[in-house]
Structures are given as structure tokens and as C-alpha cells.
Amino acid sequence: SYNGAKTGVYGTPRFMAPEIVTGKAKPSR
């Protein structure tokens, strides 16, 4: 999806960025 979109998946465990794991950010470049 487009960079910063609020739709779609958030990632696969162990591959997600720390800020995704902690809920501080949404998926992006």
C-alpha cells in the first residue's frame, strides 16, 4: 500500500521494526 497508509498488515513477528512492535508507528518505507 502507499507509504504511511493505515490499511493492510503490520508485518511478520521478528521482522517488524521496534517502533511497530511497541505500537509507536505505522508501516512505512
PDB file of all heavy atoms in Angstrom:
ATOM      1  N   SER A   1       0.840  -1.192   0.000  1.00  0.00           N
ATOM      2  CA  SER A   1       0.000   0.000   0.000  1.00  0.00           C
ATOM      3  C   SER A   1       0.875   1.240   0.000  1.00  0.00           C
ATOM      4  O   SER A   1       2.090   1.169   0.194  1.00  0.00           O
ATOM      5  CB  SER A   1      -0.958   0.012   1.193  1.00  0.00           C
ATOM      6  OG  SER A   1      -0.271  -0.070   2.390  1.00  0.00           O
ATOM      7  N   TYR A   2       0.258   2.384  -0.223  1.00  0.00           N
ATOM      8  CA  TYR A   2       1.016   3.620  -0.265  1.00  0.00           C
ATOM      9  C   TYR A   2       1.679   3.892   1.076  1.00  0.00           C
ATOM     10  O   TYR A   2       1.141   3.567   2.134  1.00  0.00           O
ATOM     11  CB  TYR A   2       0.130   4.792  -0.674  1.00  0.00           C
ATOM     12  CG  TYR A   2      -0.200   4.792  -2.144  1.00  0.00           C
ATOM     13  CD1 TYR A   2      -1.478   4.458  -2.582  1.00  0.00           C
ATOM     14  CD2 TYR A   2       0.769   5.084  -3.096  1.00  0.00           C
ATOM     15  CE1 TYR A   2      -1.781   4.435  -3.933  1.00  0.00           C
ATOM     16  CE2 TYR A   2       0.480   5.064  -4.451  1.00  0.00           C
ATOM     17  CZ  TYR A   2      -0.789   4.735  -4.855  1.00  0.00           C
ATOM     18  OH  TYR A   2      -1.074   4.695  -6.199  1.00  0.00           O
ATOM     19  N   ASN A   3       2.875   4.459   1.017  1.00  0.00           N
ATOM     20  CA  ASN A   3       3.674   4.724   2.197  1.00  0.00           C
ATOM     21  C   ASN A   3       2.879   5.496   3.246  1.00  0.00           C
ATOM     22  O   ASN A   3       2.333   6.560   2.965  1.00  0.00           O
ATOM     23  CB  ASN A   3       4.925   5.511   1.806  1.00  0.00           C
ATOM     24  CG  ASN A   3       5.928   5.629   2.927  1.00  0.00           C
ATOM     25  OD1 ASN A   3       6.093   4.715   3.728  1.00  0.00           O
ATOM     26  ND2 ASN A   3       6.617   6.762   2.978  1.00  0.00           N
ATOM     27  N   GLY A   4       2.805   4.935   4.479  1.00  0.00           N
ATOM     28  CA  GLY A   4       2.099   5.585   5.571  1.00  0.00           C
ATOM     29  C   GLY A   4       0.619   5.288   5.648  1.00  0.00           C
ATOM     30  O   GLY A   4      -0.060   5.786   6.552  1.00  0.00           O
ATOM     31  N   ALA A   5       0.067   4.491   4.700  1.00  0.00           N
ATOM     32  CA  ALA A   5      -1.355   4.169   4.731  1.00  0.00           C
ATOM     33  C   ALA A   5      -1.705   3.401   5.995  1.00  0.00           C
ATOM     34  O   ALA A   5      -0.913   2.632   6.524  1.00  0.00           O
ATOM     35  CB  ALA A   5      -1.740   3.357   3.496  1.00  0.00           C
ATOM     36  N   LYS A   6      -2.913   3.603   6.490  1.00  0.00           N
ATOM     37  CA  LYS A   6      -3.339   2.974   7.731  1.00  0.00           C
ATOM     38  C   LYS A   6      -3.996   1.618   7.514  1.00  0.00           C
ATOM     39  O   LYS A   6      -4.432   0.983   8.456  1.00  0.00           O
ATOM     40  CB  LYS A   6      -4.299   3.907   8.477  1.00  0.00           C
ATOM     41  CG  LYS A   6      -3.651   5.221   8.909  1.00  0.00           C
ATOM     42  CD  LYS A   6      -4.628   6.096   9.662  1.00  0.00           C
ATOM     43  CE  LYS A   6      -3.962   7.399  10.101  1.00  0.00           C
ATOM     44  NZ  LYS A   6      -4.893   8.282  10.845  1.00  0.00           N
ATOM     45  N   THR A   7      -4.085   1.199   6.260  1.00  0.00           N
ATOM     46  CA  THR A   7      -4.693  -0.087   5.952  1.00  0.00           C
ATOM     47  C   THR A   7      -3.616  -1.156   5.740  1.00  0.00           C
ATOM     48  O   THR A   7      -2.438  -0.849   5.570  1.00  0.00           O
ATOM     49  CB  THR A   7      -5.554   0.020   4.692  1.00  0.00           C
ATOM     50  OG1 THR A   7      -4.725   0.453   3.594  1.00  0.00           O
ATOM     51  CG2 THR A   7      -6.675   1.018   4.889  1.00  0.00           C
ATOM     52  N   GLY A   8      -4.051  -2.419   5.747  1.00  0.00           N
ATOM     53  CA  GLY A   8      -3.130  -3.508   5.454  1.00  0.00           C
ATOM     54  C   GLY A   8      -2.486  -4.113   6.691  1.00  0.00           C
ATOM     55  O   GLY A   8      -2.786  -3.750   7.831  1.00  0.00           O
ATOM     56  N   VAL A   9      -1.572  -5.053   6.458  1.00  0.00           N
ATOM     57  CA  VAL A   9      -0.910  -5.759   7.541  1.00  0.00           C
ATOM     58  C   VAL A   9       0.209  -4.912   8.132  1.00  0.00           C
ATOM     59  O   VAL A   9       0.655  -3.940   7.536  1.00  0.00           O
ATOM     60  CB  VAL A   9      -0.340  -7.102   7.040  1.00  0.00           C
ATOM     61  CG1 VAL A   9      -1.447  -7.986   6.489  1.00  0.00           C
ATOM     62  CG2 VAL A   9       0.730  -6.878   5.978  1.00  0.00           C
ATOM     63  N   TYR A  10       0.660  -5.297   9.325  1.00  0.00           N
ATOM     64  CA  TYR A  10       1.713  -4.573  10.023  1.00  0.00           C
ATOM     65  C   TYR A  10       3.057  -5.295   9.986  1.00  0.00           C
ATOM     66  O   TYR A  10       4.062  -4.741  10.410  1.00  0.00           O
ATOM     67  CB  TYR A  10       1.290  -4.311  11.474  1.00  0.00           C
ATOM     68  CG  TYR A  10       0.444  -3.070  11.643  1.00  0.00           C
ATOM     69  CD1 TYR A  10      -0.571  -2.757  10.751  1.00  0.00           C
ATOM     70  CD2 TYR A  10       0.672  -2.199  12.679  1.00  0.00           C
ATOM     71  CE1 TYR A  10      -1.346  -1.644  10.900  1.00  0.00           C
ATOM     72  CE2 TYR A  10      -0.085  -1.055  12.847  1.00  0.00           C
ATOM     73  CZ  TYR A  10      -1.105  -0.784  11.954  1.00  0.00           C
ATOM     74  OH  TYR A  10      -1.871   0.359  12.097  1.00  0.00           O
ATOM     75  N   GLY A  11       3.070  -6.535   9.486  1.00  0.00           N
ATOM     76  CA  GLY A  11       4.330  -7.238   9.366  1.00  0.00           C
ATOM     77  C   GLY A  11       4.298  -8.613   9.985  1.00  0.00           C
ATOM     78  O   GLY A  11       3.279  -9.066  10.516  1.00  0.00           O
ATOM     79  N   THR A  12       5.435  -9.286   9.908  1.00  0.00           N
ATOM     80  CA  THR A  12       5.623 -10.625  10.469  1.00  0.00           C
ATOM     81  C   THR A  12       6.443 -10.514  11.754  1.00  0.00           C
ATOM     82  O   THR A  12       7.446  -9.801  11.772  1.00  0.00           O
ATOM     83  CB  THR A  12       6.348 -11.529   9.457  1.00  0.00           C
ATOM     84  OG1 THR A  12       5.519 -11.696   8.290  1.00  0.00           O
ATOM     85  CG2 THR A  12       6.659 -12.894  10.052  1.00  0.00           C
ATOM     86  N   PRO A  13       6.018 -11.190  12.833  1.00  0.00           N
ATOM     87  CA  PRO A  13       6.814 -11.153  14.067  1.00  0.00           C
ATOM     88  C   PRO A  13       8.283 -11.477  13.814  1.00  0.00           C
ATOM     89  O   PRO A  13       8.606 -12.310  12.980  1.00  0.00           O
ATOM     90  CB  PRO A  13       6.142 -12.229  14.931  1.00  0.00           C
ATOM     91  CG  PRO A  13       4.719 -12.244  14.460  1.00  0.00           C
ATOM     92  CD  PRO A  13       4.791 -11.999  12.983  1.00  0.00           C
ATOM     93  N   ARG A  14       9.176 -10.781  14.524  1.00  0.00           N
ATOM     94  CA  ARG A  14      10.627 -10.921  14.434  1.00  0.00           C
ATOM     95  C   ARG A  14      11.222 -10.150  13.265  1.00  0.00           C
ATOM     96  O   ARG A  14      12.437  -9.989  13.181  1.00  0.00           O
ATOM     97  CB  ARG A  14      11.061 -12.384  14.388  1.00  0.00           C
ATOM     98  CG  ARG A  14      10.602 -13.180  15.610  1.00  0.00           C
ATOM     99  CD  ARG A  14      10.718 -14.653  15.456  1.00  0.00           C
ATOM    100  NE  ARG A  14      12.108 -15.077  15.518  1.00  0.00           N
ATOM    101  CZ  ARG A  14      12.660 -15.971  14.734  1.00  0.00           C
ATOM    102  NH1 ARG A  14      11.939 -16.524  13.776  1.00  0.00           N
ATOM    103  NH2 ARG A  14      13.918 -16.316  14.860  1.00  0.00           N
ATOM    104  N   PHE A  15      10.375  -9.685  12.341  1.00  0.00           N
ATOM    105  CA  PHE A  15      10.843  -8.843  11.250  1.00  0.00           C
ATOM    106  C   PHE A  15      10.376  -7.394  11.393  1.00  0.00           C
ATOM    107  O   PHE A  15      10.888  -6.514  10.712  1.00  0.00           O
ATOM    108  CB  PHE A  15      10.363  -9.387   9.899  1.00  0.00           C
ATOM    109  CG  PHE A  15      11.106 -10.596   9.431  1.00  0.00           C
ATOM    110  CD1 PHE A  15      10.734 -11.857   9.846  1.00  0.00           C
ATOM    111  CD2 PHE A  15      12.198 -10.486   8.579  1.00  0.00           C
ATOM    112  CE1 PHE A  15      11.422 -12.988   9.422  1.00  0.00           C
ATOM    113  CE2 PHE A  15      12.893 -11.606   8.148  1.00  0.00           C
ATOM    114  CZ  PHE A  15      12.499 -12.863   8.577  1.00  0.00           C
ATOM    115  N   MET A  16       9.414  -7.162  12.245  1.00  0.00           N
ATOM    116  CA  MET A  16       8.857  -5.823  12.394  1.00  0.00           C
ATOM    117  C   MET A  16       9.833  -4.900  13.114  1.00  0.00           C
ATOM    118  O   MET A  16      10.538  -5.307  14.029  1.00  0.00           O
ATOM    119  CB  MET A  16       7.532  -5.880  13.150  1.00  0.00           C
ATOM    120  CG  MET A  16       6.405  -6.544  12.376  1.00  0.00           C
ATOM    121  SD  MET A  16       4.796  -6.468  13.205  1.00  0.00           S
ATOM    122  CE  MET A  16       5.041  -7.591  14.561  1.00  0.00           C
ATOM    123  N   ALA A  17       9.860  -3.642  12.687  1.00  0.00           N
ATOM    124  CA  ALA A  17      10.701  -2.641  13.330  1.00  0.00           C
ATOM    125  C   ALA A  17      10.274  -2.444  14.776  1.00  0.00           C
ATOM    126  O   ALA A  17       9.091  -2.615  15.109  1.00  0.00           O
ATOM    127  CB  ALA A  17      10.619  -1.319  12.567  1.00  0.00           C
ATOM    128  N   PRO A  18      11.210  -2.066  15.666  1.00  0.00           N
ATOM    129  CA  PRO A  18      10.859  -1.874  17.080  1.00  0.00           C
ATOM    130  C   PRO A  18       9.688  -0.933  17.295  1.00  0.00           C
ATOM    131  O   PRO A  18       8.846  -1.171  18.171  1.00  0.00           O
ATOM    132  CB  PRO A  18      12.151  -1.316  17.686  1.00  0.00           C
ATOM    133  CG  PRO A  18      13.238  -1.850  16.814  1.00  0.00           C
ATOM    134  CD  PRO A  18      12.658  -1.891  15.435  1.00  0.00           C
ATOM    135  N   GLU A  19       9.596   0.131  16.499  1.00  0.00           N
ATOM    136  CA  GLU A  19       8.508   1.096  16.681  1.00  0.00           C
ATOM    137  C   GLU A  19       7.155   0.517  16.269  1.00  0.00           C
ATOM    138  O   GLU A  19       6.107   0.993  16.721  1.00  0.00           O
ATOM    139  CB  GLU A  19       8.791   2.403  15.918  1.00  0.00           C
ATOM    140  CG  GLU A  19       8.892   2.278  14.411  1.00  0.00           C
ATOM    141  CD  GLU A  19      10.297   1.996  13.899  1.00  0.00           C
ATOM    142  OE1 GLU A  19      11.109   1.426  14.663  1.00  0.00           O
ATOM    143  OE2 GLU A  19      10.583   2.343  12.727  1.00  0.00           O
ATOM    144  N   ILE A  20       7.142  -0.510  15.421  1.00  0.00           N
ATOM    145  CA  ILE A  20       5.906  -1.217  15.095  1.00  0.00           C
ATOM    146  C   ILE A  20       5.528  -2.132  16.257  1.00  0.00           C
ATOM    147  O   ILE A  20       4.371  -2.193  16.673  1.00  0.00           O
ATOM    148  CB  ILE A  20       6.044  -2.037  13.807  1.00  0.00           C
ATOM    149  CG1 ILE A  20       6.293  -1.133  12.600  1.00  0.00           C
ATOM    150  CG2 ILE A  20       4.807  -2.899  13.577  1.00  0.00           C
ATOM    151  CD1 ILE A  20       5.106  -0.348  12.141  1.00  0.00           C
ATOM    152  N   VAL A  21       6.513  -2.850  16.792  1.00  0.00           N
ATOM    153  CA  VAL A  21       6.275  -3.766  17.910  1.00  0.00           C
ATOM    154  C   VAL A  21       5.703  -3.019  19.110  1.00  0.00           C
ATOM    155  O   VAL A  21       4.780  -3.496  19.774  1.00  0.00           O
ATOM    156  CB  VAL A  21       7.578  -4.498  18.301  1.00  0.00           C
ATOM    157  CG1 VAL A  21       7.349  -5.389  19.521  1.00  0.00           C
ATOM    158  CG2 VAL A  21       8.094  -5.336  17.135  1.00  0.00           C
ATOM    159  N   THR A  22       6.228  -1.844  19.394  1.00  0.00           N
ATOM    160  CA  THR A  22       5.791  -1.074  20.555  1.00  0.00           C
ATOM    161  C   THR A  22       4.546  -0.237  20.276  1.00  0.00           C
ATOM    162  O   THR A  22       4.033   0.439  21.177  1.00  0.00           O
ATOM    163  CB  THR A  22       6.915  -0.143  21.046  1.00  0.00           C
ATOM    164  OG1 THR A  22       7.313   0.734  19.985  1.00  0.00           O
ATOM    165  CG2 THR A  22       8.119  -0.965  21.514  1.00  0.00           C
ATOM    166  N   GLY A  23       4.054  -0.253  19.041  1.00  0.00           N
ATOM    167  CA  GLY A  23       2.850   0.486  18.696  1.00  0.00           C
ATOM    168  C   GLY A  23       3.035   1.973  18.519  1.00  0.00           C
ATOM    169  O   GLY A  23       2.062   2.740  18.525  1.00  0.00           O
ATOM    170  N   LYS A  24       4.279   2.417  18.321  1.00  0.00           N
ATOM    171  CA  LYS A  24       4.562   3.848  18.199  1.00  0.00           C
ATOM    172  C   LYS A  24       4.547   4.346  16.759  1.00  0.00           C
ATOM    173  O   LYS A  24       4.681   5.547  16.524  1.00  0.00           O
ATOM    174  CB  LYS A  24       5.915   4.162  18.837  1.00  0.00           C
ATOM    175  CG  LYS A  24       5.971   3.903  20.341  1.00  0.00           C
ATOM    176  CD  LYS A  24       7.344   4.219  20.903  1.00  0.00           C
ATOM    177  CE  LYS A  24       7.393   3.977  22.410  1.00  0.00           C
ATOM    178  NZ  LYS A  24       8.738   4.250  22.979  1.00  0.00           N
ATOM    179  N   ALA A  25       4.432   3.442  15.797  1.00  0.00           N
ATOM    180  CA  ALA A  25       4.458   3.865  14.401  1.00  0.00           C
ATOM    181  C   ALA A  25       3.655   2.894  13.548  1.00  0.00           C
ATOM    182  O   ALA A  25       3.344   1.778  13.963  1.00  0.00           O
ATOM    183  CB  ALA A  25       5.899   3.945  13.887  1.00  0.00           C
ATOM    184  N   LYS A  26       3.316   3.357  12.354  1.00  0.00           N
ATOM    185  CA  LYS A  26       2.637   2.545  11.358  1.00  0.00           C
ATOM    186  C   LYS A  26       3.650   2.132  10.280  1.00  0.00           C
ATOM    187  O   LYS A  26       4.717   2.746  10.147  1.00  0.00           O
ATOM    188  CB  LYS A  26       1.490   3.336  10.722  1.00  0.00           C
ATOM    189  CG  LYS A  26       0.420   3.796  11.708  1.00  0.00           C
ATOM    190  CD  LYS A  26      -0.362   2.630  12.265  1.00  0.00           C
ATOM    191  CE  LYS A  26      -1.598   3.103  13.041  1.00  0.00           C
ATOM    192  NZ  LYS A  26      -1.254   3.862  14.257  1.00  0.00           N
ATOM    193  N   PRO A  27       3.347   1.088   9.526  1.00  0.00           N
ATOM    194  CA  PRO A  27       4.262   0.661   8.461  1.00  0.00           C
ATOM    195  C   PRO A  27       4.568   1.777   7.480  1.00  0.00           C
ATOM    196  O   PRO A  27       3.693   2.567   7.111  1.00  0.00           O
ATOM    197  CB  PRO A  27       3.500  -0.491   7.792  1.00  0.00           C
ATOM    198  CG  PRO A  27       2.605  -1.024   8.856  1.00  0.00           C
ATOM    199  CD  PRO A  27       2.191   0.177   9.653  1.00  0.00           C
ATOM    200  N   SER A  28       5.828   1.848   7.057  1.00  0.00           N
ATOM    201  CA  SER A  28       6.287   2.884   6.145  1.00  0.00           C
ATOM    202  C   SER A  28       7.549   2.396   5.451  1.00  0.00           C
ATOM    203  O   SER A  28       8.018   1.280   5.701  1.00  0.00           O
ATOM    204  CB  SER A  28       6.587   4.180   6.908  1.00  0.00           C
ATOM    205  OG  SER A  28       7.689   3.975   7.797  1.00  0.00           O
ATOM    206  N   ARG A  29       8.116   3.229   4.612  1.00  0.00           N
ATOM    207  CA  ARG A  29       9.391   2.877   3.983  1.00  0.00           C
ATOM    208  C   ARG A  29      10.459   2.638   5.042  1.00  0.00           C
ATOM    209  O   ARG A  29      11.267   1.709   4.930  1.00  0.00           O
ATOM    210  CB  ARG A  29       9.847   3.976   3.030  1.00  0.00           C
ATOM    211  CG  ARG A  29      11.237   3.725   2.437  1.00  0.00           C
ATOM    212  CD  ARG A  29      11.635   4.806   1.452  1.00  0.00           C
ATOM    213  NE  ARG A  29      12.995   4.582   0.937  1.00  0.00           N
ATOM    214  CZ  ARG A  29      14.065   5.221   1.378  1.00  0.00           C
ATOM    215  NH1 ARG A  29      13.945   6.135   2.326  1.00  0.00           N
ATOM    216  NH2 ARG A  29      15.271   4.966   0.873  1.00  0.00           N
TER     217      ARG A  29
END
